[in-house]
């Protein structure tokens, strides 16, 4: 039992045990001590903080965070769970900023359009035959041949981390296309 509960019980017992002796100085002293204990216990209790309610929809929109999370998972399925989580966390933080209130709806619409475009491109690329993917990789090799070394290294890193929205077999072909060909001058 808490100190507050014990104090209330003590006061109640004292008040009911000696009703005829209410004028007794010792009883008055004990009642005042009990009252002080109760007052201190109430004052020392931490203030009840109300936990903020979870965001059900983004303010000013009908879009729920769960819908955005699902859109990210469905559209960026080639990324790891952690990477998709980073996208959601970043987008969610921006959408919750008060300074973005006026453009919140437009931000969601723009992101949804881009996410659906990424998903459509991923699905179209997945439908290509292996030969078509090889031809695409050869075109990629020709287009990236003139890229400076540091940009080429950055592109190589992006492909290694699987950040491009391409199927894994095409990603491997593109990665191989960045490697210098054996007959190329060094």
N, C-alpha and C. Protein backbone atom coordinates (compact mmCIF):
# COMPACT_ATOMS: atom_id res chain seq x y z
N UNK A 1 0.85 -1.17 0.00
CA UNK A 1 0.00 0.00 0.00
C UNK A 1 0.90 1.23 0.00
N UNK A 2 0.53 2.23 -0.77
CA UNK A 2 1.36 3.44 -0.87
C UNK A 2 1.25 4.26 0.40
N UNK A 3 2.17 5.23 0.51
CA UNK A 3 2.14 6.12 1.69
C UNK A 3 0.84 6.89 1.75
N UNK A 4 0.34 7.27 0.60
CA UNK A 4 -0.91 8.01 0.55
C UNK A 4 -2.06 7.14 1.06
N UNK A 5 -2.09 5.91 0.60
CA UNK A 5 -3.15 4.99 1.04
C UNK A 5 -3.06 4.72 2.53
N UNK A 6 -1.84 4.54 3.05
CA UNK A 6 -1.65 4.30 4.50
C UNK A 6 -2.07 5.53 5.30
N UNK A 7 -1.75 6.70 4.78
CA UNK A 7 -2.11 7.93 5.50
C UNK A 7 -3.62 8.10 5.58
N UNK A 8 -4.30 7.85 4.48
CA UNK A 8 -5.77 7.96 4.47
C UNK A 8 -6.36 6.93 5.42
N UNK A 9 -5.85 5.71 5.39
CA UNK A 9 -6.33 4.66 6.29
C UNK A 9 -6.09 5.05 7.75
N UNK A 10 -4.94 5.61 8.06
CA UNK A 10 -4.60 6.02 9.41
C UNK A 10 -5.57 7.10 9.90
N UNK A 11 -5.81 8.09 9.06
CA UNK A 11 -6.73 9.17 9.43
C UNK A 11 -8.13 8.61 9.65
N UNK A 12 -8.57 7.72 8.77
CA UNK A 12 -9.91 7.14 8.91
C UNK A 12 -10.02 6.32 10.18
N UNK A 13 -9.00 5.54 10.51
CA UNK A 13 -9.03 4.75 11.73
C UNK A 13 -9.02 5.63 12.97
N UNK A 14 -8.21 6.66 12.96
CA UNK A 14 -8.16 7.57 14.10
C UNK A 14 -9.48 8.29 14.30
N UNK A 15 -10.06 8.71 13.20
CA UNK A 15 -11.32 9.45 13.31
C UNK A 15 -12.44 8.57 13.83
N UNK A 16 -12.43 7.30 13.47
CA UNK A 16 -13.52 6.41 13.91
C UNK A 16 -13.23 5.76 15.26
N UNK A 17 -11.97 5.65 15.67
CA UNK A 17 -11.64 4.94 16.91
C UNK A 17 -11.92 5.76 18.15
N UNK A 18 -11.66 7.01 18.11
CA UNK A 18 -11.81 7.83 19.31
C UNK A 18 -12.69 9.05 19.04
N UNK A 19 -13.94 8.87 18.67
CA UNK A 19 -14.74 10.05 18.39
C UNK A 19 -14.97 10.92 19.63
N UNK A 20 -15.03 10.32 20.80
CA UNK A 20 -15.29 11.11 22.00
C UNK A 20 -14.06 11.87 22.43
N UNK A 21 -12.90 11.44 21.99
CA UNK A 21 -11.65 12.06 22.45
C UNK A 21 -11.11 13.02 21.40
N UNK A 22 -11.96 13.57 20.55
CA UNK A 22 -11.52 14.44 19.46
C UNK A 22 -10.78 15.66 19.95
N UNK A 23 -11.02 16.06 21.15
CA UNK A 23 -10.36 17.25 21.68
C UNK A 23 -9.00 16.92 22.29
N UNK A 24 -8.64 15.67 22.37
CA UNK A 24 -7.38 15.24 22.96
C UNK A 24 -6.23 15.83 22.14
N UNK A 25 -5.28 16.54 22.77
CA UNK A 25 -4.17 17.16 22.04
C UNK A 25 -3.29 16.14 21.31
N UNK A 26 -3.10 14.97 21.89
CA UNK A 26 -2.28 13.97 21.23
C UNK A 26 -2.94 13.50 19.94
N UNK A 27 -4.24 13.32 19.98
CA UNK A 27 -4.99 12.91 18.79
C UNK A 27 -4.92 14.01 17.73
N UNK A 28 -5.08 15.24 18.15
CA UNK A 28 -5.00 16.36 17.21
C UNK A 28 -3.61 16.41 16.56
N UNK A 29 -2.59 16.15 17.35
CA UNK A 29 -1.23 16.11 16.81
C UNK A 29 -1.09 15.00 15.77
N UNK A 30 -1.58 13.80 16.11
CA UNK A 30 -1.50 12.67 15.18
C UNK A 30 -2.29 12.93 13.90
N UNK A 31 -3.44 13.53 14.03
CA UNK A 31 -4.23 13.87 12.83
C UNK A 31 -3.52 14.90 11.97
N UNK A 32 -2.87 15.88 12.60
CA UNK A 32 -2.15 16.88 11.81
C UNK A 32 -0.94 16.26 11.10
N UNK A 33 -0.27 15.32 11.78
CA UNK A 33 0.86 14.63 11.14
C UNK A 33 0.37 13.80 9.96
N UNK A 34 -0.75 13.09 10.17
CA UNK A 34 -1.31 12.29 9.09
C UNK A 34 -1.71 13.17 7.91
N UNK A 35 -2.31 14.31 8.20
CA UNK A 35 -2.70 15.24 7.14
C UNK A 35 -1.47 15.74 6.39
N UNK A 36 -0.40 16.02 7.12
CA UNK A 36 0.84 16.48 6.48
C UNK A 36 1.45 15.38 5.61
N UNK A 37 1.42 14.13 6.09
CA UNK A 37 1.94 13.01 5.30
C UNK A 37 1.15 12.87 4.00
N UNK A 38 -0.17 12.98 4.11
CA UNK A 38 -1.01 12.86 2.91
C UNK A 38 -0.72 13.99 1.94
N UNK A 39 -0.62 15.21 2.45
CA UNK A 39 -0.34 16.37 1.60
C UNK A 39 1.01 16.22 0.90
N UNK A 40 2.03 15.79 1.64
CA UNK A 40 3.36 15.60 1.05
C UNK A 40 3.36 14.47 0.02
N UNK A 41 2.61 13.41 0.31
CA UNK A 41 2.55 12.29 -0.64
C UNK A 41 1.90 12.74 -1.94
N UNK A 42 0.85 13.51 -1.85
CA UNK A 42 0.18 14.00 -3.05
C UNK A 42 1.10 14.94 -3.82
N UNK A 43 1.79 15.83 -3.11
CA UNK A 43 2.68 16.79 -3.77
C UNK A 43 3.90 16.10 -4.40
N UNK A 44 4.36 15.00 -3.81
CA UNK A 44 5.57 14.35 -4.33
C UNK A 44 5.28 13.39 -5.48
N UNK A 45 4.01 13.06 -5.71
CA UNK A 45 3.70 12.18 -6.82
C UNK A 45 3.98 12.91 -8.12
N UNK A 46 4.60 12.19 -9.08
CA UNK A 46 4.86 12.85 -10.36
C UNK A 46 3.55 13.20 -11.05
N UNK A 47 3.57 14.32 -11.74
CA UNK A 47 2.37 14.75 -12.45
C UNK A 47 2.02 13.72 -13.51
N UNK A 48 0.78 13.44 -13.63
CA UNK A 48 0.32 12.49 -14.64
C UNK A 48 0.51 13.15 -16.00
N UNK A 49 1.37 12.55 -16.82
CA UNK A 49 1.57 13.08 -18.16
C UNK A 49 0.72 12.26 -19.11
N UNK A 50 0.05 12.95 -19.95
CA UNK A 50 -0.78 12.28 -20.94
C UNK A 50 0.08 12.00 -22.14
N UNK A 51 0.17 10.74 -22.49
CA UNK A 51 0.95 10.37 -23.66
C UNK A 51 0.27 10.92 -24.91
N UNK A 52 1.06 11.46 -25.83
CA UNK A 52 0.43 11.98 -27.05
C UNK A 52 -0.22 10.83 -27.82
N UNK A 53 -1.37 11.13 -28.36
CA UNK A 53 -2.07 10.12 -29.13
C UNK A 53 -1.29 9.86 -30.41
N UNK A 54 -1.23 8.60 -30.83
CA UNK A 54 -0.52 8.33 -32.08
C UNK A 54 -1.23 9.02 -33.24
N UNK A 55 -0.45 9.39 -34.22
CA UNK A 55 -1.00 10.08 -35.38
C UNK A 55 -1.87 9.09 -36.15
N UNK A 56 -3.15 9.40 -36.27
CA UNK A 56 -4.05 8.54 -37.03
C UNK A 56 -4.03 8.91 -38.49
N UNK A 57 -4.02 10.20 -38.76
CA UNK A 57 -3.86 10.71 -40.13
C UNK A 57 -2.93 11.91 -40.05
N UNK A 58 -2.30 12.20 -41.17
CA UNK A 58 -1.48 13.40 -41.20
C UNK A 58 -2.40 14.60 -41.17
N UNK A 59 -2.10 15.60 -40.33
CA UNK A 59 -2.99 16.76 -40.19
C UNK A 59 -3.32 17.39 -41.54
N UNK A 60 -4.60 17.63 -41.75
CA UNK A 60 -5.04 18.26 -42.99
C UNK A 60 -5.20 17.30 -44.15
N UNK A 61 -5.00 16.00 -43.90
CA UNK A 61 -5.14 15.01 -44.97
C UNK A 61 -5.97 13.84 -44.45
N UNK A 62 -6.28 12.93 -45.34
CA UNK A 62 -6.97 11.70 -44.95
C UNK A 62 -6.01 10.51 -45.03
N UNK A 63 -4.72 10.79 -45.14
CA UNK A 63 -3.71 9.75 -45.31
C UNK A 63 -3.17 9.32 -43.95
N UNK A 64 -3.19 8.03 -43.72
CA UNK A 64 -2.66 7.47 -42.48
C UNK A 64 -1.20 7.07 -42.67
N UNK A 65 -0.39 7.18 -41.62
CA UNK A 65 1.00 6.73 -41.73
C UNK A 65 1.11 5.27 -42.18
N UNK A 66 0.17 4.44 -41.76
CA UNK A 66 0.20 3.02 -42.17
C UNK A 66 0.07 2.88 -43.68
N UNK A 67 -0.70 3.77 -44.31
CA UNK A 67 -0.84 3.72 -45.77
C UNK A 67 0.48 4.07 -46.46
N UNK A 68 1.17 5.08 -45.93
CA UNK A 68 2.47 5.44 -46.51
C UNK A 68 3.47 4.32 -46.32
N UNK A 69 3.46 3.70 -45.15
CA UNK A 69 4.39 2.59 -44.89
C UNK A 69 4.12 1.46 -45.89
N UNK A 70 2.86 1.15 -46.12
CA UNK A 70 2.50 0.09 -47.06
C UNK A 70 2.93 0.46 -48.48
N UNK A 71 2.73 1.73 -48.87
CA UNK A 71 3.15 2.20 -50.19
C UNK A 71 4.65 2.04 -50.35
N UNK A 72 5.39 2.39 -49.33
CA UNK A 72 6.85 2.26 -49.38
C UNK A 72 7.25 0.79 -49.49
N UNK A 73 6.64 -0.06 -48.69
CA UNK A 73 6.96 -1.49 -48.74
C UNK A 73 6.62 -2.09 -50.10
N UNK A 74 5.49 -1.67 -50.68
CA UNK A 74 5.07 -2.22 -51.97
C UNK A 74 5.89 -1.67 -53.13
N UNK A 75 6.30 -0.40 -53.05
CA UNK A 75 6.99 0.23 -54.17
C UNK A 75 8.50 0.06 -54.14
N UNK A 76 9.06 -0.06 -52.95
CA UNK A 76 10.51 -0.16 -52.82
C UNK A 76 10.91 -1.52 -52.26
N UNK A 77 10.25 -2.55 -52.75
CA UNK A 77 10.47 -3.89 -52.23
C UNK A 77 11.88 -4.42 -52.48
N UNK A 78 12.61 -3.81 -53.39
CA UNK A 78 13.97 -4.22 -53.67
C UNK A 78 14.95 -3.74 -52.58
N UNK A 79 14.51 -2.81 -51.74
CA UNK A 79 15.34 -2.33 -50.64
C UNK A 79 15.16 -3.20 -49.41
N UNK A 80 16.10 -3.14 -48.51
CA UNK A 80 15.98 -3.90 -47.27
C UNK A 80 14.92 -3.27 -46.38
N UNK A 81 14.48 -4.02 -45.39
CA UNK A 81 13.48 -3.51 -44.44
C UNK A 81 14.00 -2.26 -43.74
N UNK A 82 15.28 -2.26 -43.37
CA UNK A 82 15.87 -1.10 -42.70
C UNK A 82 15.88 0.12 -43.62
N UNK A 83 16.20 -0.07 -44.89
CA UNK A 83 16.22 1.04 -45.83
C UNK A 83 14.82 1.60 -46.04
N UNK A 84 13.84 0.72 -46.14
CA UNK A 84 12.45 1.18 -46.28
C UNK A 84 12.02 1.92 -45.01
N UNK A 85 12.47 1.45 -43.86
CA UNK A 85 12.17 2.13 -42.61
C UNK A 85 12.76 3.53 -42.58
N UNK A 86 13.97 3.68 -43.11
CA UNK A 86 14.61 5.00 -43.16
C UNK A 86 13.81 5.95 -44.05
N UNK A 87 13.32 5.44 -45.18
CA UNK A 87 12.51 6.27 -46.07
C UNK A 87 11.26 6.73 -45.34
N UNK A 88 10.58 5.79 -44.69
CA UNK A 88 9.35 6.15 -43.97
C UNK A 88 9.64 7.15 -42.86
N UNK A 89 10.66 6.90 -42.06
CA UNK A 89 10.97 7.80 -40.95
C UNK A 89 11.28 9.21 -41.43
N UNK A 90 12.03 9.30 -42.51
CA UNK A 90 12.38 10.61 -43.06
C UNK A 90 11.15 11.33 -43.60
N UNK A 91 10.33 10.61 -44.36
CA UNK A 91 9.13 11.22 -44.92
C UNK A 91 8.16 11.61 -43.80
N UNK A 92 7.98 10.73 -42.84
CA UNK A 92 7.08 11.00 -41.72
C UNK A 92 7.51 12.25 -40.96
N UNK A 93 8.80 12.38 -40.70
CA UNK A 93 9.31 13.54 -39.98
C UNK A 93 9.02 14.83 -40.75
N UNK A 94 9.21 14.80 -42.04
CA UNK A 94 8.95 15.99 -42.85
C UNK A 94 7.46 16.33 -42.87
N UNK A 95 6.63 15.31 -42.95
CA UNK A 95 5.18 15.54 -42.98
C UNK A 95 4.65 16.07 -41.66
N UNK A 96 5.32 15.77 -40.57
CA UNK A 96 4.85 16.21 -39.26
C UNK A 96 5.35 17.61 -38.89
N UNK A 97 6.27 18.15 -39.64
CA UNK A 97 6.79 19.49 -39.34
C UNK A 97 5.69 20.52 -39.59
N UNK A 98 5.44 21.39 -38.61
CA UNK A 98 4.42 22.42 -38.78
C UNK A 98 4.67 23.34 -39.98
N UNK A 99 5.94 23.58 -40.30
CA UNK A 99 6.24 24.48 -41.43
C UNK A 99 5.79 23.88 -42.77
N UNK A 100 5.56 22.56 -42.82
CA UNK A 100 5.12 21.91 -44.05
C UNK A 100 3.61 21.73 -44.12
N UNK A 101 2.88 22.35 -43.21
CA UNK A 101 1.43 22.16 -43.16
C UNK A 101 0.76 22.54 -44.48
N UNK A 102 1.18 23.62 -45.08
CA UNK A 102 0.54 24.11 -46.31
C UNK A 102 0.81 23.20 -47.51
N UNK A 103 1.91 22.46 -47.47
CA UNK A 103 2.28 21.63 -48.63
C UNK A 103 2.21 20.13 -48.32
N UNK A 104 1.68 19.78 -47.18
CA UNK A 104 1.64 18.38 -46.75
C UNK A 104 0.94 17.49 -47.78
N UNK A 105 -0.23 17.90 -48.24
CA UNK A 105 -0.98 17.11 -49.22
C UNK A 105 -0.20 16.95 -50.52
N UNK A 106 0.40 18.04 -50.98
CA UNK A 106 1.19 18.00 -52.22
C UNK A 106 2.42 17.09 -52.05
N UNK A 107 3.03 17.13 -50.87
CA UNK A 107 4.19 16.26 -50.62
C UNK A 107 3.79 14.79 -50.70
N UNK A 108 2.66 14.46 -50.10
CA UNK A 108 2.19 13.07 -50.11
C UNK A 108 1.86 12.65 -51.53
N UNK A 109 1.18 13.53 -52.27
CA UNK A 109 0.81 13.22 -53.66
C UNK A 109 2.06 13.01 -54.53
N UNK A 110 3.04 13.90 -54.39
CA UNK A 110 4.27 13.79 -55.17
C UNK A 110 5.00 12.48 -54.83
N UNK A 111 5.11 12.20 -53.54
CA UNK A 111 5.80 10.98 -53.14
C UNK A 111 5.07 9.74 -53.66
N UNK A 112 3.75 9.74 -53.56
CA UNK A 112 2.97 8.58 -54.02
C UNK A 112 3.15 8.37 -55.52
N UNK A 113 3.15 9.46 -56.29
CA UNK A 113 3.36 9.35 -57.74
C UNK A 113 4.72 8.72 -58.04
N UNK A 114 5.75 9.23 -57.37
CA UNK A 114 7.11 8.71 -57.62
C UNK A 114 7.23 7.25 -57.17
N UNK A 115 6.64 6.92 -56.06
CA UNK A 115 6.71 5.54 -55.56
C UNK A 115 6.03 4.59 -56.54
N UNK A 116 4.89 5.01 -57.06
CA UNK A 116 4.18 4.15 -58.02
C UNK A 116 4.94 4.04 -59.34
N UNK A 117 5.63 5.11 -59.74
CA UNK A 117 6.45 5.05 -60.95
C UNK A 117 7.62 4.08 -60.76
N UNK A 118 8.23 4.12 -59.58
CA UNK A 118 9.33 3.20 -59.28
C UNK A 118 8.82 1.76 -59.33
N UNK A 119 7.67 1.52 -58.74
CA UNK A 119 7.10 0.17 -58.74
C UNK A 119 6.79 -0.29 -60.16
N UNK A 120 6.18 0.57 -60.97
CA UNK A 120 5.85 0.21 -62.35
C UNK A 120 7.11 -0.09 -63.15
N UNK A 121 8.15 0.73 -62.98
CA UNK A 121 9.40 0.49 -63.69
C UNK A 121 10.02 -0.84 -63.27
N UNK A 122 10.00 -1.10 -61.97
CA UNK A 122 10.55 -2.36 -61.45
C UNK A 122 9.81 -3.55 -62.07
N UNK A 123 8.50 -3.47 -62.12
CA UNK A 123 7.71 -4.57 -62.67
C UNK A 123 7.94 -4.73 -64.17
N UNK A 124 8.06 -3.61 -64.91
CA UNK A 124 8.34 -3.69 -66.35
C UNK A 124 9.71 -4.31 -66.60
N UNK A 125 10.69 -3.89 -65.83
CA UNK A 125 12.04 -4.44 -66.01
C UNK A 125 12.08 -5.92 -65.66
N UNK A 126 11.31 -6.33 -64.69
CA UNK A 126 11.28 -7.74 -64.30
C UNK A 126 10.69 -8.60 -65.41
N UNK A 127 9.86 -8.03 -66.27
CA UNK A 127 9.22 -8.78 -67.36
C UNK A 127 10.13 -8.94 -68.58
N UNK A 128 11.24 -8.21 -68.59
CA UNK A 128 12.17 -8.33 -69.73
C UNK A 128 12.80 -9.72 -69.74
N UNK A 129 13.08 -10.18 -70.93
CA UNK A 129 13.80 -11.46 -71.03
C UNK A 129 15.26 -11.23 -70.62
N UNK A 130 15.97 -12.31 -70.36
CA UNK A 130 17.37 -12.17 -69.96
C UNK A 130 18.17 -11.52 -71.09
N UNK A 131 17.86 -11.86 -72.32
CA UNK A 131 18.57 -11.29 -73.46
C UNK A 131 18.33 -9.78 -73.52
N UNK A 132 17.09 -9.35 -73.28
CA UNK A 132 16.77 -7.92 -73.28
C UNK A 132 17.52 -7.20 -72.16
N UNK A 133 17.66 -7.86 -71.04
CA UNK A 133 18.40 -7.28 -69.91
C UNK A 133 19.89 -7.16 -70.27
N UNK A 134 20.41 -8.14 -70.98
CA UNK A 134 21.81 -8.08 -71.41
C UNK A 134 22.02 -6.90 -72.36
N UNK A 135 21.08 -6.72 -73.29
CA UNK A 135 21.18 -5.60 -74.23
C UNK A 135 21.11 -4.26 -73.48
N UNK A 136 20.27 -4.20 -72.48
CA UNK A 136 20.16 -3.00 -71.66
C UNK A 136 21.47 -2.74 -70.91
N UNK A 137 22.09 -3.80 -70.42
CA UNK A 137 23.37 -3.66 -69.71
C UNK A 137 24.47 -3.19 -70.67
N UNK A 138 24.45 -3.67 -71.90
CA UNK A 138 25.44 -3.23 -72.90
C UNK A 138 25.26 -1.74 -73.21
N UNK A 139 24.03 -1.32 -73.33
CA UNK A 139 23.74 0.10 -73.54
C UNK A 139 24.24 0.92 -72.34
N UNK A 140 24.02 0.39 -71.15
CA UNK A 140 24.48 1.03 -69.92
C UNK A 140 26.00 1.15 -69.94
N UNK A 141 26.71 0.10 -70.38
CA UNK A 141 28.17 0.12 -70.46
C UNK A 141 28.63 1.25 -71.39
N UNK A 142 27.99 1.37 -72.56
CA UNK A 142 28.37 2.42 -73.52
C UNK A 142 28.10 3.82 -72.94
N UNK A 143 26.95 3.97 -72.29
CA UNK A 143 26.58 5.29 -71.75
C UNK A 143 27.47 5.71 -70.59
N UNK A 144 27.94 4.77 -69.81
CA UNK A 144 28.74 5.10 -68.63
C UNK A 144 30.24 5.06 -68.89
N UNK A 145 30.65 4.72 -70.09
CA UNK A 145 32.08 4.60 -70.39
C UNK A 145 32.83 5.92 -70.19
N UNK A 146 32.19 7.02 -70.47
CA UNK A 146 32.87 8.32 -70.39
C UNK A 146 32.72 8.98 -69.02
N UNK A 147 32.09 8.33 -68.10
CA UNK A 147 31.88 8.92 -66.77
C UNK A 147 33.22 8.97 -66.03
N UNK A 148 33.53 10.10 -65.37
CA UNK A 148 34.78 10.20 -64.60
C UNK A 148 34.85 9.12 -63.50
N UNK A 149 36.06 8.82 -63.07
CA UNK A 149 36.31 7.74 -62.11
C UNK A 149 35.55 7.85 -60.80
N UNK A 150 35.50 9.05 -60.22
CA UNK A 150 34.81 9.18 -58.94
C UNK A 150 33.31 8.98 -59.07
N UNK A 151 32.73 9.47 -60.16
CA UNK A 151 31.30 9.25 -60.40
C UNK A 151 31.03 7.78 -60.69
N UNK A 152 31.93 7.16 -61.39
CA UNK A 152 31.82 5.74 -61.71
C UNK A 152 31.88 4.91 -60.42
N UNK A 153 32.76 5.29 -59.51
CA UNK A 153 32.86 4.59 -58.22
C UNK A 153 31.58 4.77 -57.41
N UNK A 154 31.03 5.96 -57.48
CA UNK A 154 29.78 6.22 -56.76
C UNK A 154 28.64 5.38 -57.35
N UNK A 155 28.56 5.31 -58.66
CA UNK A 155 27.54 4.50 -59.32
C UNK A 155 27.74 3.02 -58.98
N UNK A 156 28.98 2.59 -58.93
CA UNK A 156 29.30 1.21 -58.56
C UNK A 156 28.80 0.91 -57.14
N UNK A 157 29.02 1.86 -56.23
CA UNK A 157 28.57 1.69 -54.84
C UNK A 157 27.04 1.61 -54.77
N UNK A 158 26.36 2.44 -55.54
CA UNK A 158 24.89 2.42 -55.56
C UNK A 158 24.39 1.06 -56.03
N UNK A 159 25.04 0.52 -57.05
CA UNK A 159 24.64 -0.81 -57.56
C UNK A 159 24.98 -1.90 -56.55
N UNK A 160 26.12 -1.79 -55.89
CA UNK A 160 26.48 -2.79 -54.89
C UNK A 160 25.51 -2.79 -53.72
N UNK A 161 25.04 -1.62 -53.35
CA UNK A 161 24.09 -1.51 -52.23
C UNK A 161 22.66 -1.80 -52.66
N UNK A 162 22.47 -2.05 -53.95
CA UNK A 162 21.15 -2.39 -54.52
C UNK A 162 20.14 -1.27 -54.29
N UNK A 163 20.55 -0.05 -54.56
CA UNK A 163 19.68 1.10 -54.36
C UNK A 163 18.90 1.49 -55.61
N UNK A 164 19.30 0.97 -56.77
CA UNK A 164 18.55 1.27 -57.99
C UNK A 164 17.32 0.37 -58.07
N UNK A 165 16.22 0.89 -58.56
CA UNK A 165 15.00 0.08 -58.64
C UNK A 165 15.00 -0.86 -59.84
N UNK A 166 15.91 -1.79 -59.82
CA UNK A 166 15.99 -2.79 -60.90
C UNK A 166 16.00 -4.18 -60.28
N UNK A 167 15.51 -5.17 -61.03
CA UNK A 167 15.56 -6.55 -60.52
C UNK A 167 17.00 -6.97 -60.24
N UNK A 168 17.17 -7.92 -59.36
CA UNK A 168 18.52 -8.30 -58.93
C UNK A 168 19.38 -8.83 -60.08
N UNK A 169 18.81 -9.57 -61.03
CA UNK A 169 19.62 -10.08 -62.13
C UNK A 169 20.10 -8.93 -63.02
N UNK A 170 19.25 -7.95 -63.25
CA UNK A 170 19.66 -6.78 -64.03
C UNK A 170 20.68 -5.95 -63.24
N UNK A 171 20.52 -5.86 -61.94
CA UNK A 171 21.48 -5.15 -61.11
C UNK A 171 22.87 -5.78 -61.26
N UNK A 172 22.93 -7.09 -61.27
CA UNK A 172 24.21 -7.79 -61.44
C UNK A 172 24.81 -7.50 -62.82
N UNK A 173 23.97 -7.49 -63.84
CA UNK A 173 24.45 -7.18 -65.20
C UNK A 173 24.98 -5.75 -65.28
N UNK A 174 24.29 -4.83 -64.65
CA UNK A 174 24.73 -3.43 -64.65
C UNK A 174 26.03 -3.26 -63.88
N UNK A 175 26.14 -3.98 -62.79
CA UNK A 175 27.37 -3.94 -61.99
C UNK A 175 28.54 -4.48 -62.80
N UNK A 176 28.31 -5.59 -63.52
CA UNK A 176 29.36 -6.16 -64.38
C UNK A 176 29.69 -5.20 -65.52
N UNK A 177 28.71 -4.46 -66.01
CA UNK A 177 28.94 -3.53 -67.11
C UNK A 177 29.83 -2.36 -66.68
N UNK A 178 29.86 -2.06 -65.40
CA UNK A 178 30.73 -0.99 -64.91
C UNK A 178 32.18 -1.42 -64.80
N UNK A 179 32.41 -2.71 -64.70
CA UNK A 179 33.78 -3.22 -64.61
C UNK A 179 34.48 -2.97 -65.94
N UNK A 180 35.75 -2.61 -65.87
CA UNK A 180 36.47 -2.39 -67.13
C UNK A 180 36.56 -3.69 -67.93
N UNK A 181 36.35 -3.58 -69.22
CA UNK A 181 36.43 -4.77 -70.06
C UNK A 181 37.89 -5.20 -70.17
N UNK A 182 38.13 -6.52 -70.33
CA UNK A 182 39.52 -7.01 -70.39
C UNK A 182 40.31 -6.46 -71.56
N UNK A 183 39.65 -6.09 -72.65
CA UNK A 183 40.37 -5.59 -73.83
C UNK A 183 40.47 -4.07 -73.85
N UNK A 184 39.94 -3.42 -72.81
CA UNK A 184 40.00 -1.95 -72.76
C UNK A 184 41.39 -1.50 -72.36
N UNK A 185 41.87 -0.39 -72.94
CA UNK A 185 43.18 0.14 -72.55
C UNK A 185 43.11 0.70 -71.14
N UNK A 186 44.19 0.53 -70.40
CA UNK A 186 44.24 1.01 -69.01
C UNK A 186 45.12 2.18 -68.85
